[in-house]
Amino acid sequence: MPMLPIGTSIKRSGFTLIELMVVIVVLSLVSLVSLPLLANRGEGNERLMVRRIAGTVKQLYNEATLTRDEHLLTFDLNRNSMLAFRLRSRSGVIEKEPFGREVMLAPLQIKQIDIEGKGTFRTGQVSVRLFPLGWMEATRLLLQKESGGDIQLAFSPLTGSITIDDEYATVQ
């Protein structure tokens, strides 16, 4: 066996056919498991956005009850976004200060908002009021999925909870 002057062997070896086949089988198994997860990625984002809307409503409802400040949840139907505000009265003037940052609702699209006593809205900015005494305006938000189906969110005025109704199931 030839040796280099340093004392290491120059004998070269490669991968055997069996080792290469094992690597190919392992990579195939990993891709079989991960591809279905990636295919459902859009639906997961839709569910995440619905949960985010529900969490924001519940947080504002609780915040309004605890701080005794009125809050607004404003939906911009043209920009497909929502933004929360706290209304504070200082020396007789009501100030509207942002409560968090604007949230873009993609991959969902707002189709319409129904607010009891105010009507149905399909464009512009619409604000839902959350009052300090544990009450909010009864609201139905209709969202369209990327896949074409609809999801309806109904805001409960007395509890701040949301009923989610989509084409597959009704979840409380």
N, C-alpha and C. Protein backbone atom coordinates (compact mmCIF):
# COMPACT_ATOMS: atom_id res chain seq x y z
N MET A 1 0.84 -1.17 0.00
CA MET A 1 0.00 0.00 0.00
C MET A 1 0.89 1.23 0.00
N PRO A 2 0.69 2.14 -0.96
CA PRO A 2 1.51 3.34 -1.02
C PRO A 2 1.22 4.28 0.16
N MET A 3 2.22 4.91 0.65
CA MET A 3 2.08 5.84 1.77
C MET A 3 2.60 7.21 1.37
N LEU A 4 1.96 8.22 1.90
CA LEU A 4 2.45 9.57 1.72
C LEU A 4 3.61 9.81 2.66
N PRO A 5 4.42 10.79 2.38
CA PRO A 5 5.57 11.04 3.24
C PRO A 5 5.19 11.34 4.69
N ILE A 6 3.96 11.86 4.94
CA ILE A 6 3.56 12.20 6.29
C ILE A 6 3.19 10.93 7.06
N GLY A 7 2.85 9.88 6.37
CA GLY A 7 2.50 8.64 7.04
C GLY A 7 1.04 8.27 6.91
N THR A 8 0.26 8.99 6.07
CA THR A 8 -1.14 8.64 5.89
C THR A 8 -1.30 7.87 4.58
N SER A 9 -2.30 7.07 4.53
CA SER A 9 -2.55 6.23 3.37
C SER A 9 -3.27 7.03 2.29
N ILE A 10 -2.96 6.76 1.03
CA ILE A 10 -3.65 7.44 -0.07
C ILE A 10 -4.72 6.53 -0.67
N LYS A 11 -5.04 5.42 -0.02
CA LYS A 11 -6.09 4.54 -0.48
C LYS A 11 -7.43 5.28 -0.40
N ARG A 12 -8.18 5.30 -1.49
CA ARG A 12 -9.44 6.02 -1.52
C ARG A 12 -10.58 5.02 -1.50
N SER A 13 -11.64 5.41 -0.82
CA SER A 13 -12.81 4.55 -0.80
C SER A 13 -14.04 5.42 -1.04
N GLY A 14 -15.10 4.83 -1.58
CA GLY A 14 -16.34 5.55 -1.86
C GLY A 14 -17.49 4.89 -1.14
N PHE A 15 -18.69 5.34 -1.47
CA PHE A 15 -19.88 4.74 -0.89
C PHE A 15 -20.24 3.48 -1.66
N THR A 16 -20.71 2.52 -0.94
CA THR A 16 -21.15 1.30 -1.61
C THR A 16 -22.55 1.52 -2.16
N LEU A 17 -22.96 0.64 -3.04
CA LEU A 17 -24.29 0.74 -3.62
C LEU A 17 -25.37 0.60 -2.56
N ILE A 18 -25.14 -0.22 -1.57
CA ILE A 18 -26.12 -0.40 -0.48
C ILE A 18 -26.27 0.88 0.32
N GLU A 19 -25.17 1.55 0.63
CA GLU A 19 -25.25 2.80 1.38
C GLU A 19 -26.02 3.87 0.61
N LEU A 20 -25.77 3.96 -0.70
CA LEU A 20 -26.49 4.93 -1.52
C LEU A 20 -27.99 4.61 -1.56
N MET A 21 -28.34 3.32 -1.64
CA MET A 21 -29.75 2.93 -1.66
C MET A 21 -30.45 3.26 -0.34
N VAL A 22 -29.75 3.10 0.78
CA VAL A 22 -30.32 3.43 2.09
C VAL A 22 -30.61 4.93 2.18
N VAL A 23 -29.68 5.74 1.71
CA VAL A 23 -29.88 7.20 1.74
C VAL A 23 -31.07 7.60 0.86
N ILE A 24 -31.21 6.99 -0.30
CA ILE A 24 -32.32 7.31 -1.19
C ILE A 24 -33.64 6.90 -0.55
N VAL A 25 -33.70 5.75 0.10
CA VAL A 25 -34.93 5.30 0.77
C VAL A 25 -35.29 6.25 1.91
N VAL A 26 -34.32 6.67 2.70
CA VAL A 26 -34.59 7.59 3.81
C VAL A 26 -35.10 8.93 3.29
N LEU A 27 -34.48 9.47 2.24
CA LEU A 27 -34.95 10.73 1.66
C LEU A 27 -36.36 10.60 1.08
N SER A 28 -36.65 9.47 0.49
CA SER A 28 -38.00 9.23 -0.04
C SER A 28 -39.04 9.22 1.08
N LEU A 29 -38.71 8.57 2.20
CA LEU A 29 -39.64 8.53 3.33
C LEU A 29 -39.87 9.92 3.91
N VAL A 30 -38.83 10.70 4.03
CA VAL A 30 -38.96 12.06 4.56
C VAL A 30 -39.84 12.90 3.65
N SER A 31 -39.65 12.78 2.33
CA SER A 31 -40.48 13.57 1.41
C SER A 31 -41.93 13.11 1.42
N LEU A 32 -42.17 11.81 1.59
CA LEU A 32 -43.55 11.32 1.66
C LEU A 32 -44.28 11.85 2.88
N VAL A 33 -43.56 12.03 3.98
CA VAL A 33 -44.17 12.55 5.21
C VAL A 33 -44.37 14.07 5.12
N SER A 34 -43.42 14.79 4.54
CA SER A 34 -43.48 16.26 4.57
C SER A 34 -44.34 16.87 3.47
N LEU A 35 -44.49 16.25 2.33
CA LEU A 35 -45.28 16.85 1.25
C LEU A 35 -46.75 17.07 1.61
N PRO A 36 -47.44 16.12 2.25
CA PRO A 36 -48.83 16.42 2.64
C PRO A 36 -48.93 17.57 3.64
N LEU A 37 -47.93 17.72 4.49
CA LEU A 37 -47.96 18.84 5.44
C LEU A 37 -47.82 20.17 4.71
N LEU A 38 -47.00 20.20 3.69
CA LEU A 38 -46.83 21.43 2.92
C LEU A 38 -48.05 21.72 2.06
N ALA A 39 -48.73 20.69 1.60
CA ALA A 39 -49.92 20.88 0.77
C ALA A 39 -51.05 21.52 1.56
N ASN A 40 -51.17 21.27 2.86
CA ASN A 40 -52.23 21.83 3.69
C ASN A 40 -51.82 23.14 4.35
N ARG A 41 -50.74 23.71 3.91
CA ARG A 41 -50.21 24.91 4.54
C ARG A 41 -51.19 26.08 4.50
N GLY A 42 -51.88 26.27 3.38
CA GLY A 42 -52.84 27.38 3.26
C GLY A 42 -53.99 27.26 4.23
N GLU A 43 -54.54 26.06 4.41
CA GLU A 43 -55.64 25.85 5.34
C GLU A 43 -55.20 26.13 6.77
N GLY A 44 -53.97 25.77 7.10
CA GLY A 44 -53.45 26.06 8.44
C GLY A 44 -53.34 27.55 8.69
N ASN A 45 -52.94 28.30 7.66
CA ASN A 45 -52.85 29.75 7.79
C ASN A 45 -54.23 30.38 7.97
N GLU A 46 -55.24 29.81 7.30
CA GLU A 46 -56.60 30.32 7.46
C GLU A 46 -57.09 30.09 8.88
N ARG A 47 -56.85 28.91 9.41
CA ARG A 47 -57.26 28.62 10.79
C ARG A 47 -56.52 29.51 11.77
N LEU A 48 -55.24 29.72 11.52
CA LEU A 48 -54.45 30.60 12.38
C LEU A 48 -55.02 32.01 12.39
N MET A 49 -55.43 32.51 11.22
CA MET A 49 -55.96 33.86 11.14
C MET A 49 -57.31 33.95 11.85
N VAL A 50 -58.16 32.93 11.73
CA VAL A 50 -59.44 32.93 12.44
C VAL A 50 -59.20 32.94 13.94
N ARG A 51 -58.25 32.15 14.39
CA ARG A 51 -57.91 32.15 15.83
C ARG A 51 -57.38 33.50 16.28
N ARG A 52 -56.61 34.14 15.41
CA ARG A 52 -56.05 35.45 15.75
C ARG A 52 -57.16 36.49 15.89
N ILE A 53 -58.14 36.45 15.00
CA ILE A 53 -59.28 37.38 15.09
C ILE A 53 -60.04 37.12 16.39
N ALA A 54 -60.33 35.85 16.66
CA ALA A 54 -61.08 35.50 17.88
C ALA A 54 -60.30 35.91 19.12
N GLY A 55 -59.00 35.69 19.13
CA GLY A 55 -58.18 36.09 20.28
C GLY A 55 -58.14 37.58 20.47
N THR A 56 -58.09 38.33 19.37
CA THR A 56 -58.08 39.80 19.46
C THR A 56 -59.39 40.32 20.03
N VAL A 57 -60.51 39.76 19.58
CA VAL A 57 -61.82 40.19 20.10
C VAL A 57 -61.91 39.90 21.59
N LYS A 58 -61.52 38.70 22.00
CA LYS A 58 -61.59 38.33 23.41
C LYS A 58 -60.67 39.21 24.26
N GLN A 59 -59.46 39.49 23.74
CA GLN A 59 -58.53 40.35 24.47
C GLN A 59 -59.09 41.75 24.63
N LEU A 60 -59.68 42.32 23.58
CA LEU A 60 -60.26 43.66 23.68
C LEU A 60 -61.45 43.69 24.62
N TYR A 61 -62.27 42.64 24.56
CA TYR A 61 -63.42 42.55 25.46
C TYR A 61 -62.96 42.55 26.91
N ASN A 62 -61.97 41.72 27.23
CA ASN A 62 -61.44 41.65 28.60
C ASN A 62 -60.77 42.96 29.00
N GLU A 63 -60.02 43.54 28.09
CA GLU A 63 -59.33 44.80 28.38
C GLU A 63 -60.33 45.93 28.65
N ALA A 64 -61.40 45.99 27.87
CA ALA A 64 -62.42 47.01 28.08
C ALA A 64 -63.10 46.84 29.43
N THR A 65 -63.35 45.59 29.81
CA THR A 65 -64.00 45.32 31.09
C THR A 65 -63.08 45.67 32.26
N LEU A 66 -61.80 45.34 32.14
CA LEU A 66 -60.86 45.57 33.24
C LEU A 66 -60.48 47.04 33.39
N THR A 67 -60.22 47.72 32.29
CA THR A 67 -59.72 49.10 32.37
C THR A 67 -60.83 50.14 32.39
N ARG A 68 -62.07 49.72 32.09
CA ARG A 68 -63.22 50.63 32.02
C ARG A 68 -63.04 51.68 30.92
N ASP A 69 -62.27 51.32 29.88
CA ASP A 69 -62.11 52.17 28.71
C ASP A 69 -62.82 51.51 27.54
N GLU A 70 -63.49 52.31 26.72
CA GLU A 70 -64.11 51.76 25.52
C GLU A 70 -63.03 51.44 24.50
N HIS A 71 -63.23 50.36 23.74
CA HIS A 71 -62.29 49.95 22.71
C HIS A 71 -63.02 49.83 21.38
N LEU A 72 -62.27 49.95 20.31
CA LEU A 72 -62.80 49.77 18.96
C LEU A 72 -61.98 48.71 18.24
N LEU A 73 -62.66 47.86 17.52
CA LEU A 73 -61.98 46.93 16.61
C LEU A 73 -62.40 47.37 15.21
N THR A 74 -61.46 47.93 14.46
CA THR A 74 -61.76 48.50 13.16
C THR A 74 -61.29 47.56 12.06
N PHE A 75 -62.22 47.21 11.17
CA PHE A 75 -61.92 46.40 10.00
C PHE A 75 -61.87 47.32 8.79
N ASP A 76 -60.77 47.26 8.06
CA ASP A 76 -60.64 48.01 6.81
C ASP A 76 -60.89 47.02 5.67
N LEU A 77 -62.09 47.08 5.10
CA LEU A 77 -62.48 46.12 4.08
C LEU A 77 -61.71 46.32 2.77
N ASN A 78 -61.26 47.53 2.51
CA ASN A 78 -60.49 47.80 1.29
C ASN A 78 -59.06 47.25 1.40
N ARG A 79 -58.47 47.36 2.59
CA ARG A 79 -57.10 46.87 2.79
C ARG A 79 -57.07 45.43 3.31
N ASN A 80 -58.24 44.88 3.68
CA ASN A 80 -58.36 43.54 4.24
C ASN A 80 -57.52 43.40 5.50
N SER A 81 -57.78 44.30 6.46
CA SER A 81 -56.99 44.31 7.70
C SER A 81 -57.88 44.68 8.88
N MET A 82 -57.31 44.51 10.09
CA MET A 82 -58.00 44.94 11.30
C MET A 82 -57.00 45.65 12.21
N LEU A 83 -57.53 46.59 12.98
CA LEU A 83 -56.71 47.37 13.90
C LEU A 83 -57.55 47.69 15.12
N ALA A 84 -56.95 47.58 16.30
CA ALA A 84 -57.65 47.84 17.55
C ALA A 84 -57.24 49.20 18.11
N PHE A 85 -58.20 49.85 18.78
CA PHE A 85 -57.95 51.15 19.39
C PHE A 85 -58.54 51.16 20.80
N ARG A 86 -57.92 51.96 21.68
CA ARG A 86 -58.46 52.26 23.00
C ARG A 86 -58.91 53.71 22.98
N LEU A 87 -60.12 53.95 23.47
CA LEU A 87 -60.63 55.32 23.55
C LEU A 87 -60.48 55.80 24.99
N ARG A 88 -59.75 56.89 25.17
CA ARG A 88 -59.54 57.45 26.51
C ARG A 88 -60.02 58.88 26.54
N SER A 89 -60.68 59.23 27.64
CA SER A 89 -61.17 60.58 27.82
C SER A 89 -60.18 61.34 28.70
N ARG A 90 -59.58 62.36 28.13
CA ARG A 90 -58.63 63.20 28.88
C ARG A 90 -59.08 64.65 28.76
N SER A 91 -59.37 65.23 29.88
CA SER A 91 -59.84 66.62 29.99
C SER A 91 -60.97 66.92 29.01
N GLY A 92 -61.94 65.99 28.95
CA GLY A 92 -63.13 66.20 28.13
C GLY A 92 -62.97 65.85 26.66
N VAL A 93 -61.76 65.47 26.24
CA VAL A 93 -61.50 65.13 24.85
C VAL A 93 -61.24 63.63 24.75
N ILE A 94 -61.91 62.97 23.82
CA ILE A 94 -61.71 61.53 23.65
C ILE A 94 -60.57 61.31 22.67
N GLU A 95 -59.55 60.59 23.15
CA GLU A 95 -58.38 60.28 22.33
C GLU A 95 -58.46 58.84 21.86
N LYS A 96 -58.09 58.63 20.62
CA LYS A 96 -58.11 57.30 20.01
C LYS A 96 -56.67 56.85 19.85
N GLU A 97 -56.24 55.92 20.73
CA GLU A 97 -54.85 55.47 20.64
C GLU A 97 -54.80 54.00 20.18
N PRO A 98 -53.85 53.69 19.30
CA PRO A 98 -53.74 52.32 18.79
C PRO A 98 -53.48 51.32 19.92
N PHE A 99 -54.10 50.18 19.82
CA PHE A 99 -53.93 49.09 20.79
C PHE A 99 -53.39 47.90 20.00
N GLY A 100 -52.09 47.83 19.88
CA GLY A 100 -51.47 46.81 19.03
C GLY A 100 -51.20 47.37 17.65
N ARG A 101 -50.90 46.47 16.72
CA ARG A 101 -50.57 46.91 15.36
C ARG A 101 -51.60 46.38 14.38
N GLU A 102 -51.59 46.94 13.19
CA GLU A 102 -52.52 46.51 12.15
C GLU A 102 -52.21 45.07 11.74
N VAL A 103 -53.26 44.27 11.59
CA VAL A 103 -53.11 42.87 11.22
C VAL A 103 -53.74 42.66 9.85
N MET A 104 -52.94 42.20 8.90
CA MET A 104 -53.45 41.87 7.58
C MET A 104 -54.12 40.49 7.67
N LEU A 105 -55.31 40.34 7.11
CA LEU A 105 -56.10 39.13 7.28
C LEU A 105 -55.87 38.07 6.20
N ALA A 106 -54.94 38.30 5.29
CA ALA A 106 -54.63 37.28 4.27
C ALA A 106 -54.17 36.01 4.96
N PRO A 107 -54.56 34.85 4.53
CA PRO A 107 -55.13 34.45 3.25
C PRO A 107 -56.65 34.55 3.20
N LEU A 108 -57.29 35.07 4.22
CA LEU A 108 -58.74 35.25 4.20
C LEU A 108 -59.06 36.63 3.63
N GLN A 109 -60.24 36.76 3.03
CA GLN A 109 -60.69 38.03 2.46
C GLN A 109 -62.04 38.38 3.09
N ILE A 110 -62.17 39.61 3.60
CA ILE A 110 -63.44 40.05 4.19
C ILE A 110 -64.45 40.26 3.07
N LYS A 111 -65.60 39.54 3.15
CA LYS A 111 -66.68 39.74 2.18
C LYS A 111 -67.66 40.78 2.66
N GLN A 112 -68.07 40.66 3.95
CA GLN A 112 -68.99 41.66 4.50
C GLN A 112 -69.01 41.57 6.02
N ILE A 113 -69.47 42.66 6.62
CA ILE A 113 -69.64 42.74 8.08
C ILE A 113 -71.06 43.21 8.34
N ASP A 114 -71.77 42.49 9.22
CA ASP A 114 -73.11 42.88 9.65
C ASP A 114 -73.03 43.27 11.12
N ILE A 115 -73.40 44.52 11.42
CA ILE A 115 -73.45 44.98 12.80
C ILE A 115 -74.89 45.31 13.11
N GLU A 116 -75.40 44.66 14.15
CA GLU A 116 -76.79 44.85 14.52
C GLU A 116 -77.07 46.32 14.83
N GLY A 117 -78.07 46.87 14.17
CA GLY A 117 -78.44 48.27 14.38
C GLY A 117 -77.71 49.24 13.47
N LYS A 118 -76.64 48.80 12.80
CA LYS A 118 -75.90 49.68 11.90
C LYS A 118 -76.06 49.28 10.43
N GLY A 119 -76.19 47.96 10.18
CA GLY A 119 -76.37 47.51 8.80
C GLY A 119 -75.28 46.59 8.32
N THR A 120 -75.23 46.41 7.00
CA THR A 120 -74.27 45.53 6.34
C THR A 120 -73.27 46.38 5.57
N PHE A 121 -71.99 46.01 5.68
CA PHE A 121 -70.92 46.78 5.05
C PHE A 121 -70.07 45.86 4.18
N ARG A 122 -69.72 46.35 2.96
CA ARG A 122 -68.87 45.57 2.05
C ARG A 122 -67.62 46.34 1.63
N THR A 123 -67.54 47.63 1.94
CA THR A 123 -66.37 48.45 1.62
C THR A 123 -66.13 49.44 2.76
N GLY A 124 -64.97 50.05 2.74
CA GLY A 124 -64.64 51.09 3.71
C GLY A 124 -64.14 50.54 5.04
N GLN A 125 -64.17 51.40 6.05
CA GLN A 125 -63.76 51.03 7.40
C GLN A 125 -64.99 50.88 8.28
N VAL A 126 -65.00 49.79 9.05
CA VAL A 126 -66.12 49.51 9.94
C VAL A 126 -65.56 49.24 11.33
N SER A 127 -66.11 49.92 12.34
CA SER A 127 -65.63 49.74 13.71
C SER A 127 -66.69 49.06 14.56
N VAL A 128 -66.24 48.08 15.34
CA VAL A 128 -67.08 47.38 16.31
C VAL A 128 -66.71 47.94 17.67
N ARG A 129 -67.71 48.41 18.42
CA ARG A 129 -67.45 49.02 19.73
C ARG A 129 -67.52 47.96 20.84
N LEU A 130 -66.55 48.02 21.74
CA LEU A 130 -66.52 47.16 22.92
C LEU A 130 -66.62 48.09 24.13
N PHE A 131 -67.70 47.96 24.87
CA PHE A 131 -68.00 48.90 25.93
C PHE A 131 -67.41 48.44 27.26
N PRO A 132 -67.16 49.39 28.18
CA PRO A 132 -66.50 49.07 29.45
C PRO A 132 -67.31 48.17 30.39
N LEU A 133 -68.58 48.08 30.22
CA LEU A 133 -69.40 47.32 31.17
C LEU A 133 -69.60 45.86 30.75
N GLY A 134 -68.75 45.34 29.88
CA GLY A 134 -68.85 43.94 29.49
C GLY A 134 -69.89 43.69 28.43
N TRP A 135 -69.89 44.52 27.40
CA TRP A 135 -70.83 44.36 26.31
C TRP A 135 -70.18 44.86 25.03
N MET A 136 -70.52 44.24 23.91
CA MET A 136 -70.02 44.70 22.61
C MET A 136 -71.14 44.61 21.59
N GLU A 137 -70.98 45.28 20.48
CA GLU A 137 -72.00 45.25 19.44
C GLU A 137 -72.06 43.86 18.80
N ALA A 138 -73.28 43.34 18.63
CA ALA A 138 -73.46 42.04 17.98
C ALA A 138 -73.02 42.17 16.52
N THR A 139 -72.08 41.32 16.12
CA THR A 139 -71.46 41.44 14.81
C THR A 139 -71.32 40.08 14.16
N ARG A 140 -71.51 40.05 12.84
CA ARG A 140 -71.21 38.86 12.04
C ARG A 140 -70.21 39.26 10.97
N LEU A 141 -69.11 38.54 10.92
CA LEU A 141 -68.04 38.81 9.96
C LEU A 141 -67.99 37.63 8.98
N LEU A 142 -68.15 37.91 7.70
CA LEU A 142 -68.12 36.86 6.69
C LEU A 142 -66.80 36.96 5.94
N LEU A 143 -66.02 35.88 6.00
CA LEU A 143 -64.70 35.82 5.37
C LEU A 143 -64.71 34.78 4.27
N GLN A 144 -63.97 35.06 3.20
CA GLN A 144 -63.85 34.11 2.10
C GLN A 144 -62.46 33.48 2.14
N LYS A 145 -62.43 32.13 2.03
CA LYS A 145 -61.16 31.40 1.98
C LYS A 145 -60.57 31.50 0.59
N GLU A 146 -59.27 31.22 0.49
CA GLU A 146 -58.62 31.17 -0.81
C GLU A 146 -59.23 30.08 -1.68
N SER A 147 -59.66 28.98 -1.03
CA SER A 147 -60.23 27.86 -1.77
C SER A 147 -61.64 28.15 -2.26
N GLY A 148 -62.23 29.27 -1.86
CA GLY A 148 -63.55 29.66 -2.33
C GLY A 148 -64.66 29.48 -1.32
N GLY A 149 -64.46 28.75 -0.25
CA GLY A 149 -65.48 28.58 0.78
C GLY A 149 -65.57 29.80 1.67
N ASP A 150 -66.60 29.85 2.48
CA ASP A 150 -66.81 30.97 3.40
C ASP A 150 -66.71 30.52 4.84
N ILE A 151 -66.29 31.44 5.70
CA ILE A 151 -66.28 31.25 7.15
C ILE A 151 -67.04 32.42 7.74
N GLN A 152 -67.96 32.14 8.66
CA GLN A 152 -68.70 33.20 9.34
C GLN A 152 -68.31 33.23 10.81
N LEU A 153 -67.95 34.41 11.29
CA LEU A 153 -67.63 34.61 12.71
C LEU A 153 -68.75 35.45 13.31
N ALA A 154 -69.39 34.92 14.34
CA ALA A 154 -70.45 35.66 15.04
C ALA A 154 -69.92 36.06 16.42
N PHE A 155 -69.87 37.36 16.69
CA PHE A 155 -69.37 37.88 17.96
C PHE A 155 -70.52 37.94 18.95
N SER A 156 -70.37 37.29 20.09
CA SER A 156 -71.40 37.30 21.12
C SER A 156 -71.30 38.59 21.93
N PRO A 157 -72.37 39.39 21.99
CA PRO A 157 -72.28 40.69 22.66
C PRO A 157 -72.10 40.62 24.17
N LEU A 158 -72.57 39.56 24.81
CA LEU A 158 -72.51 39.51 26.27
C LEU A 158 -71.27 38.83 26.83
N THR A 159 -70.60 38.01 26.03
CA THR A 159 -69.43 37.28 26.55
C THR A 159 -68.12 37.60 25.82
N GLY A 160 -68.20 38.20 24.64
CA GLY A 160 -67.00 38.48 23.88
C GLY A 160 -66.45 37.24 23.18
N SER A 161 -67.19 36.14 23.23
CA SER A 161 -66.73 34.93 22.55
C SER A 161 -67.18 34.96 21.10
N ILE A 162 -66.61 34.06 20.30
CA ILE A 162 -66.91 34.01 18.88
C ILE A 162 -67.35 32.62 18.50
N THR A 163 -68.41 32.53 17.72
CA THR A 163 -68.84 31.27 17.14
C THR A 163 -68.33 31.24 15.71
N ILE A 164 -67.58 30.19 15.38
CA ILE A 164 -66.98 30.05 14.06
C ILE A 164 -67.80 29.02 13.29
N ASP A 165 -68.31 29.43 12.14
CA ASP A 165 -69.13 28.55 11.33
C ASP A 165 -68.55 28.53 9.92
N ASP A 166 -67.99 27.37 9.52
CA ASP A 166 -67.52 27.25 8.15
C ASP A 166 -68.28 26.14 7.47
N GLU A 167 -67.91 25.82 6.25
CA GLU A 167 -68.69 24.85 5.49
C GLU A 167 -68.53 23.42 5.98
N TYR A 168 -67.60 23.19 6.89
CA TYR A 168 -67.35 21.83 7.37
C TYR A 168 -67.96 21.55 8.72
N ALA A 169 -67.84 22.50 9.66
CA ALA A 169 -68.31 22.25 11.02
C ALA A 169 -68.59 23.57 11.72
N THR A 170 -69.28 23.48 12.84
CA THR A 170 -69.50 24.63 13.70
C THR A 170 -68.71 24.40 14.97
N VAL A 171 -67.85 25.38 15.30
CA VAL A 171 -66.98 25.26 16.47
C VAL A 171 -67.26 26.40 17.40
N GLN A 172 -67.31 26.13 18.68
CA GLN A 172 -67.55 27.20 19.66
C GLN A 172 -66.24 27.61 20.26
